[in-house]
């Protein structure tokens, strides 16, 4: 009778006896090189090193500021922001919508020479959105097949923590730009109290030594907010406001706005002056929350440029389309149409 080295019976779908060769085939050998490749593939953000800044920029894209105008009144505010940041205080820019707060904040942040992380506040922002949390659970299973008729199982659960912008900025000394800061509910921003005062970031869902992050000496923060009369704005807690330096901004001068429109649209200075003149005329007559900002000037200019020389026929309609975004009723729209016509007639 011919000898067979395996038994024909089956247990749990596998042969009772296995040769050494069969066992080796079923049990993959994990070399150090393969293990490193696996870790590299599963890692969403590279370890700190040369690729750190690139990884942060890819994960948290900050808006790029083009055509920034370095006018005299712009430089004055810029110097005040840099003064307080270099002194060690976070700066809170407060002003009407469209006055250039975000552009100035990003410009100053980029001038500091550190990577910039960005947060855009709104009603749904929570503390987790600021500091990070456990994103997924990784499960590993080990099966032992070497011993006859023995089934050994071992499961290991690992929780992966992912840092969000505030934690990254505090840990590595980045510049944090928190846009629309006052649109976030105050409870979510309580985490900033110890960051700005004690220079400690607490991660409430972590335990032990990893629960606390000592804020990096290069960490800086610039926050922007609309005035309290705007819809959707929350008043920040007084304890947090005491830890900030607040700089109130207003619309830039007539000449600066003309230069901004010219830089963003490429229109001749005469056309830019006409646009700014109409917008500023309405700005003087409308309530604070409805005042058109410099952004409205740029939008009208871009529309005028898109008409390729035929914009003068439609200039009035362009102004009404842009300015009508903050109307509450048909009567309100009629009133703004009349204001636009009067402003254009006054410039003629």
Protein backbone atom coordinates (compact mmCIF):
# COMPACT_ATOMS: atom_id res chain seq x y z
CA UNK A 1 0.00 0.00 0.00
CA UNK A 2 1.30 3.44 -0.92
CA UNK A 3 2.11 5.72 2.03
CA UNK A 4 0.20 9.03 2.33
CA UNK A 5 1.60 11.79 4.52
CA UNK A 6 -1.81 13.42 5.21
CA UNK A 7 -4.94 12.04 6.83
CA UNK A 8 -8.08 12.11 4.63
CA UNK A 9 -10.40 13.35 7.38
CA UNK A 10 -11.44 17.01 7.52
CA UNK A 11 -11.96 19.20 10.62
CA UNK A 12 -13.46 22.68 10.20
CA UNK A 13 -12.76 22.44 6.49
CA UNK A 14 -9.02 21.76 6.86
CA UNK A 15 -6.89 18.60 6.98
CA UNK A 16 -6.11 17.26 10.46
CA UNK A 17 -2.43 16.87 9.64
CA UNK A 18 -0.39 19.26 7.53
CA UNK A 19 3.11 19.03 6.24
CA UNK A 20 5.68 21.64 7.24
CA UNK A 21 5.59 23.04 3.71
CA UNK A 22 1.83 23.48 3.82
CA UNK A 23 1.99 25.24 7.18
CA UNK A 24 4.65 27.63 5.93
CA UNK A 25 2.59 28.51 2.87
CA UNK A 26 -0.50 29.32 4.98
CA UNK A 27 1.47 31.49 7.43
CA UNK A 28 2.91 34.53 5.62
CA UNK A 29 6.24 35.76 6.91
CA UNK A 30 6.13 39.46 7.77
CA UNK A 31 9.50 40.95 7.05
CA UNK A 32 10.54 44.35 8.38
CA UNK A 33 10.40 45.83 4.89
CA UNK A 34 6.83 44.62 4.33
CA UNK A 35 5.79 45.91 7.75
CA UNK A 36 7.22 49.35 6.99
CA UNK A 37 5.43 49.46 3.64
CA UNK A 38 2.15 48.62 5.35
CA UNK A 39 2.61 51.32 7.99
CA UNK A 40 3.51 53.87 5.33
CA UNK A 41 0.41 53.01 3.32
CA UNK A 42 -1.96 53.21 6.30
CA UNK A 43 -0.57 56.48 7.64
CA UNK A 44 -2.74 59.43 6.58
CA UNK A 45 -0.32 62.15 7.76
CA UNK A 46 3.44 61.49 7.52
CA UNK A 47 5.57 61.65 10.65
CA UNK A 48 7.15 64.95 11.50
CA UNK A 49 9.99 65.73 9.15
CA UNK A 50 10.65 67.25 5.76
CA UNK A 51 7.20 66.37 4.41
CA UNK A 52 5.37 67.72 7.47
CA UNK A 53 4.40 71.09 6.02
CA UNK A 54 3.25 69.61 2.73
CA UNK A 55 1.09 67.07 4.58
CA UNK A 56 -0.58 69.77 6.66
CA UNK A 57 -1.23 71.95 3.63
CA UNK A 58 -2.81 69.03 1.79
CA UNK A 59 -4.98 68.03 4.75
CA UNK A 60 -6.14 71.54 5.69
CA UNK A 61 -6.17 73.77 2.66
CA UNK A 62 -6.02 77.48 3.49
CA UNK A 63 -7.36 79.98 0.94
CA UNK A 64 -4.79 81.70 -1.25
CA UNK A 65 -4.80 85.49 -1.23
CA UNK A 66 -4.16 87.04 -4.63
CA UNK A 67 -3.75 90.69 -5.61
CA UNK A 68 -3.18 91.91 -2.06
CA UNK A 69 -2.88 95.71 -2.05
CA UNK A 70 -0.28 97.22 0.31
CA UNK A 71 -1.88 100.63 0.75
CA UNK A 72 -1.05 102.99 3.63
CA UNK A 73 -4.21 102.28 5.66
CA UNK A 74 -3.78 98.54 5.08
CA UNK A 75 -0.19 98.63 6.34
CA UNK A 76 -1.25 100.46 9.50
CA UNK A 77 -3.60 97.65 10.52
CA UNK A 78 -1.05 95.05 9.43
CA UNK A 79 1.60 96.54 11.72
CA UNK A 80 -0.79 96.49 14.69
CA UNK A 81 -1.61 92.81 14.10
CA UNK A 82 2.06 91.81 13.88
CA UNK A 83 2.89 93.81 17.01
CA UNK A 84 0.41 91.91 19.18
CA UNK A 85 1.21 88.53 17.64
CA UNK A 86 4.90 89.03 18.33
CA UNK A 87 4.01 90.05 21.88
CA UNK A 88 2.36 86.66 22.33
CA UNK A 89 -1.33 87.56 22.16
CA UNK A 90 -3.93 86.20 19.71
CA UNK A 91 -5.55 88.88 17.56
CA UNK A 92 -9.28 89.18 16.96
CA UNK A 93 -10.25 91.19 13.85
CA UNK A 94 -13.79 92.55 14.07
CA UNK A 95 -15.56 94.45 11.33
CA UNK A 96 -18.35 94.57 8.76
CA UNK A 97 -18.64 91.91 6.10
CA UNK A 98 -16.57 92.49 2.98
CA UNK A 99 -14.11 94.93 4.57
CA UNK A 100 -11.06 92.69 3.99
CA UNK A 101 -10.60 90.96 7.36
CA UNK A 102 -9.95 87.48 5.95
CA UNK A 103 -7.56 88.69 3.25
CA UNK A 104 -5.55 90.68 5.79
CA UNK A 105 -5.51 87.78 8.28
CA UNK A 106 -4.20 85.34 5.65
CA UNK A 107 -1.65 87.85 4.37
CA UNK A 108 -0.22 88.44 7.86
CA UNK A 109 -0.25 84.70 8.62
CA UNK A 110 1.74 83.95 5.47
CA UNK A 111 4.20 86.75 6.28
CA UNK A 112 5.06 85.05 9.58
CA UNK A 113 6.80 82.26 7.67
CA UNK A 114 5.10 79.35 9.45
CA UNK A 115 2.61 76.84 8.00
CA UNK A 116 -0.98 78.09 8.24
CA UNK A 117 -3.96 75.98 9.32
CA UNK A 118 -7.49 77.21 8.70
CA UNK A 119 -10.83 76.86 10.49
CA UNK A 120 -14.08 78.31 9.18
CA UNK A 121 -16.57 78.74 12.02
CA UNK A 122 -20.28 77.97 11.85
CA UNK A 123 -23.13 76.69 14.03
CA UNK A 124 -22.17 73.03 13.63
CA UNK A 125 -18.54 73.36 14.81
CA UNK A 126 -17.78 71.33 17.95
CA UNK A 127 -14.73 70.96 20.18
CA UNK A 128 -13.87 67.76 18.30
CA UNK A 129 -13.76 69.70 15.03
CA UNK A 130 -11.12 71.93 16.60
CA UNK A 131 -8.87 69.45 18.41
CA UNK A 132 -9.50 66.08 16.70
CA UNK A 133 -10.72 62.67 17.82
CA UNK A 134 -10.69 58.94 17.23
CA UNK A 135 -11.43 58.44 13.57
CA UNK A 136 -11.54 54.64 13.24
CA UNK A 137 -11.00 51.37 15.05
CA UNK A 138 -8.48 48.93 13.60
CA UNK A 139 -8.98 45.24 14.40
CA UNK A 140 -6.26 42.58 14.15
CA UNK A 141 -7.00 38.84 14.36
CA UNK A 142 -4.47 36.08 14.99
CA UNK A 143 -5.25 32.42 14.26
CA UNK A 144 -2.97 29.58 15.54
CA UNK A 145 -2.97 26.52 13.19
CA UNK A 146 0.21 24.80 14.31
CA UNK A 147 -1.25 22.57 17.02
CA UNK A 148 -3.47 19.64 16.08
CA UNK A 149 -7.15 20.18 16.95
CA UNK A 150 -6.43 23.49 18.73
CA UNK A 151 -8.14 26.70 17.64
CA UNK A 152 -6.63 29.83 19.18
CA UNK A 153 -8.02 33.31 18.49
CA UNK A 154 -6.77 36.72 19.59
CA UNK A 155 -8.36 40.06 18.63
CA UNK A 156 -6.63 43.39 19.16
CA UNK A 157 -8.56 46.66 18.81
CA UNK A 158 -6.63 49.87 18.16
CA UNK A 159 -8.14 53.36 18.11
CA UNK A 160 -6.50 55.87 15.75
CA UNK A 161 -6.39 59.50 16.93
CA UNK A 162 -6.40 62.21 14.26
CA UNK A 163 -5.41 65.80 15.10
CA UNK A 164 -7.55 68.65 13.80
CA UNK A 165 -6.32 72.21 13.06
CA UNK A 166 -6.12 73.58 16.62
CA UNK A 167 -4.18 70.56 17.92
CA UNK A 168 -1.79 70.68 14.95
CA UNK A 169 -1.15 74.40 15.39
CA UNK A 170 -0.54 74.07 19.14
CA UNK A 171 1.65 70.99 18.82
CA UNK A 172 3.95 72.16 16.01
CA UNK A 173 3.84 75.95 16.27
CA UNK A 174 1.71 76.74 13.23
CA UNK A 175 -0.33 79.89 12.69
CA UNK A 176 -4.06 79.31 13.19
CA UNK A 177 -6.52 81.44 11.21
CA UNK A 178 -10.00 81.04 12.70
CA UNK A 179 -12.35 82.68 10.22
CA UNK A 180 -15.91 83.60 11.27
CA UNK A 181 -14.93 82.85 14.86
CA UNK A 182 -18.10 84.37 16.35
CA UNK A 183 -20.39 82.17 14.24
CA UNK A 184 -19.32 79.14 16.29
CA UNK A 185 -21.30 78.48 19.48
CA UNK A 186 -19.34 79.70 22.53
CA UNK A 187 -19.30 76.25 24.19
CA UNK A 188 -17.16 74.84 21.37
CA UNK A 189 -14.58 77.60 21.86
CA UNK A 190 -14.09 77.00 25.60
CA UNK A 191 -11.09 74.85 24.69
CA UNK A 192 -9.27 78.06 23.68
CA UNK A 193 -9.25 79.47 27.23
CA UNK A 194 -6.33 77.38 28.48
CA UNK A 195 -4.56 77.61 25.10
CA UNK A 196 -4.42 81.41 25.19
CA UNK A 197 -3.78 81.82 28.93
CA UNK A 198 -1.96 78.77 30.36
CA UNK A 199 -0.53 77.71 26.97
CA UNK A 200 -1.90 74.20 27.50
CA UNK A 201 -4.27 72.35 25.16
CA UNK A 202 -6.37 69.68 26.86
CA UNK A 203 -7.71 66.75 24.81
CA UNK A 204 -10.73 65.67 26.91
CA UNK A 205 -11.21 62.24 25.31
CA UNK A 206 -7.60 61.14 25.85
CA UNK A 207 -6.07 59.71 29.02
CA UNK A 208 -2.77 59.93 30.88
CA UNK A 209 0.13 62.02 29.64
CA UNK A 210 -1.32 62.26 26.12
CA UNK A 211 -4.29 64.23 27.46
CA UNK A 212 -2.30 67.49 27.51
CA UNK A 213 -0.32 69.30 24.81
CA UNK A 214 2.09 72.07 25.73
CA UNK A 215 1.53 74.88 23.24
CA UNK A 216 4.53 75.43 20.97
CA UNK A 217 6.29 78.81 21.42
CA UNK A 218 5.74 79.66 17.73
CA UNK A 219 1.97 79.12 17.91
CA UNK A 220 -0.03 82.20 16.87
CA UNK A 221 -3.73 82.75 16.27
CA UNK A 222 -5.69 85.27 14.19
CA UNK A 223 -9.48 85.27 14.54
CA UNK A 224 -12.01 87.16 12.41
CA UNK A 225 -15.60 88.07 13.26
CA UNK A 226 -18.46 90.23 12.06
CA UNK A 227 -19.97 92.81 14.35
CA UNK A 228 -22.70 91.58 16.72
CA UNK A 229 -25.53 93.14 14.70
CA UNK A 230 -25.08 90.59 11.90
CA UNK A 231 -27.37 87.55 11.75
CA UNK A 232 -25.90 84.27 12.99
CA UNK A 233 -23.26 85.91 15.18
CA UNK A 234 -22.76 84.68 18.77
CA UNK A 235 -21.25 86.88 21.43
CA UNK A 236 -18.07 85.14 22.65
CA UNK A 237 -17.69 84.57 26.39
CA UNK A 238 -16.07 87.44 28.30
CA UNK A 239 -13.36 85.18 29.72
CA UNK A 240 -12.18 84.41 26.19
CA UNK A 241 -12.40 88.02 25.01
CA UNK A 242 -10.15 89.00 27.94
CA UNK A 243 -7.41 86.80 26.46
CA UNK A 244 -7.58 88.39 23.00
CA UNK A 245 -6.48 91.68 21.52
CA UNK A 246 -9.41 92.97 19.46
CA UNK A 247 -8.74 95.22 16.47
CA UNK A 248 -11.79 96.84 14.91
CA UNK A 249 -11.64 97.29 11.15
CA UNK A 250 -13.74 99.46 8.87
CA UNK A 251 -13.89 99.85 5.12
CA UNK A 252 -10.71 101.14 3.54
CA UNK A 253 -10.38 104.61 2.03
CA UNK A 254 -11.77 105.47 -1.40
CA UNK A 255 -8.37 105.31 -3.12
CA UNK A 256 -7.49 101.98 -1.49
CA UNK A 257 -10.78 100.44 -2.64
CA UNK A 258 -10.14 101.73 -6.16
CA UNK A 259 -6.69 100.10 -6.14
CA UNK A 260 -8.18 96.83 -4.85
CA UNK A 261 -10.81 96.75 -7.62
CA UNK A 262 -8.16 97.58 -10.21
CA UNK A 263 -5.86 94.81 -8.92
CA UNK A 264 -8.58 92.14 -8.87
CA UNK A 265 -10.28 92.98 -12.18
CA UNK A 266 -7.72 94.76 -14.34
CA UNK A 267 -10.27 97.48 -15.15
CA UNK A 268 -9.07 101.03 -15.88
CA UNK A 269 -8.91 103.31 -12.84
CA UNK A 270 -11.84 105.43 -14.13
CA UNK A 271 -14.15 102.40 -14.22
CA UNK A 272 -12.92 101.32 -10.78
CA UNK A 273 -13.66 104.81 -9.37
CA UNK A 274 -17.17 104.70 -10.80
CA UNK A 275 -17.87 101.33 -9.19
CA UNK A 276 -16.47 102.34 -5.81
CA UNK A 277 -18.37 105.62 -5.92
CA UNK A 278 -21.72 103.85 -6.39
CA UNK A 279 -21.02 101.28 -3.68
CA UNK A 280 -19.87 103.88 -1.15
CA UNK A 281 -22.95 105.98 -1.88
CA UNK A 282 -25.21 103.07 -0.90
CA UNK A 283 -22.98 102.27 2.06
CA UNK A 284 -23.73 105.69 3.55
CA UNK A 285 -27.51 105.23 3.28
CA UNK A 286 -28.10 101.60 4.28
CA UNK A 287 -28.18 100.01 7.78
CA UNK A 288 -24.95 98.45 9.05
CA UNK A 289 -25.84 94.82 8.28
CA UNK A 290 -26.87 95.73 4.71
CA UNK A 291 -23.90 97.90 3.78
CA UNK A 292 -22.11 96.60 0.64
CA UNK A 293 -18.41 95.94 1.18
CA UNK A 294 -15.29 95.97 -0.94
CA UNK A 295 -16.21 92.47 -2.10
CA UNK A 296 -19.29 93.97 -3.82
CA UNK A 297 -17.01 96.39 -5.69
CA UNK A 298 -14.89 93.50 -6.95
CA UNK A 299 -17.95 91.49 -8.04
CA UNK A 300 -19.35 94.41 -10.04
CA UNK A 301 -15.93 94.96 -11.61
CA UNK A 302 -15.63 91.33 -12.63
CA UNK A 303 -19.09 91.45 -14.18
CA UNK A 304 -18.21 94.62 -16.04
CA UNK A 305 -15.02 93.07 -17.39
CA UNK A 306 -16.89 89.94 -18.52
CA UNK A 307 -19.15 92.07 -20.75
CA UNK A 308 -16.13 93.00 -22.91
CA UNK A 309 -16.74 96.71 -23.41
CA UNK A 310 -20.55 96.61 -23.32
CA UNK A 311 -20.77 96.99 -19.58
CA UNK A 312 -21.80 100.67 -19.63
CA UNK A 313 -25.22 99.69 -21.02
CA UNK A 314 -25.73 97.20 -18.23
CA UNK A 315 -23.81 98.91 -15.41
CA UNK A 316 -26.96 99.79 -13.49
CA UNK A 317 -28.25 96.21 -13.65
CA UNK A 318 -24.88 94.82 -12.57
CA UNK A 319 -24.93 97.06 -9.49
CA UNK A 320 -28.51 96.09 -8.63
CA UNK A 321 -27.79 92.35 -9.04
CA UNK A 322 -24.86 92.52 -6.63
CA UNK A 323 -26.46 94.90 -4.16
CA UNK A 324 -29.82 93.06 -4.07
CA UNK A 325 -28.37 90.07 -2.23
CA UNK A 326 -29.35 91.61 1.13
CA UNK A 327 -32.96 92.50 0.35
CA UNK A 328 -35.79 91.41 2.63
CA UNK A 329 -38.82 92.15 0.41
CA UNK A 330 -39.83 93.44 -3.06
CA UNK A 331 -40.24 96.92 -1.57
CA UNK A 332 -36.71 96.74 -0.21
CA UNK A 333 -35.45 95.83 -3.70
CA UNK A 334 -37.27 98.79 -5.26
CA UNK A 335 -35.69 101.08 -2.69
CA UNK A 336 -32.20 99.82 -3.50
CA UNK A 337 -32.82 100.15 -7.23
CA UNK A 338 -33.68 103.81 -6.67
CA UNK A 339 -30.54 104.31 -4.57
CA UNK A 340 -28.38 102.76 -7.31
CA UNK A 341 -29.94 104.98 -9.99
CA UNK A 342 -29.43 108.10 -7.87
CA UNK A 343 -25.79 107.16 -7.17
CA UNK A 344 -25.05 106.59 -10.87
CA UNK A 345 -26.76 109.85 -11.83
CA UNK A 346 -24.72 111.74 -9.24
CA UNK A 347 -21.49 110.45 -10.80
CA UNK A 348 -22.49 111.36 -14.34
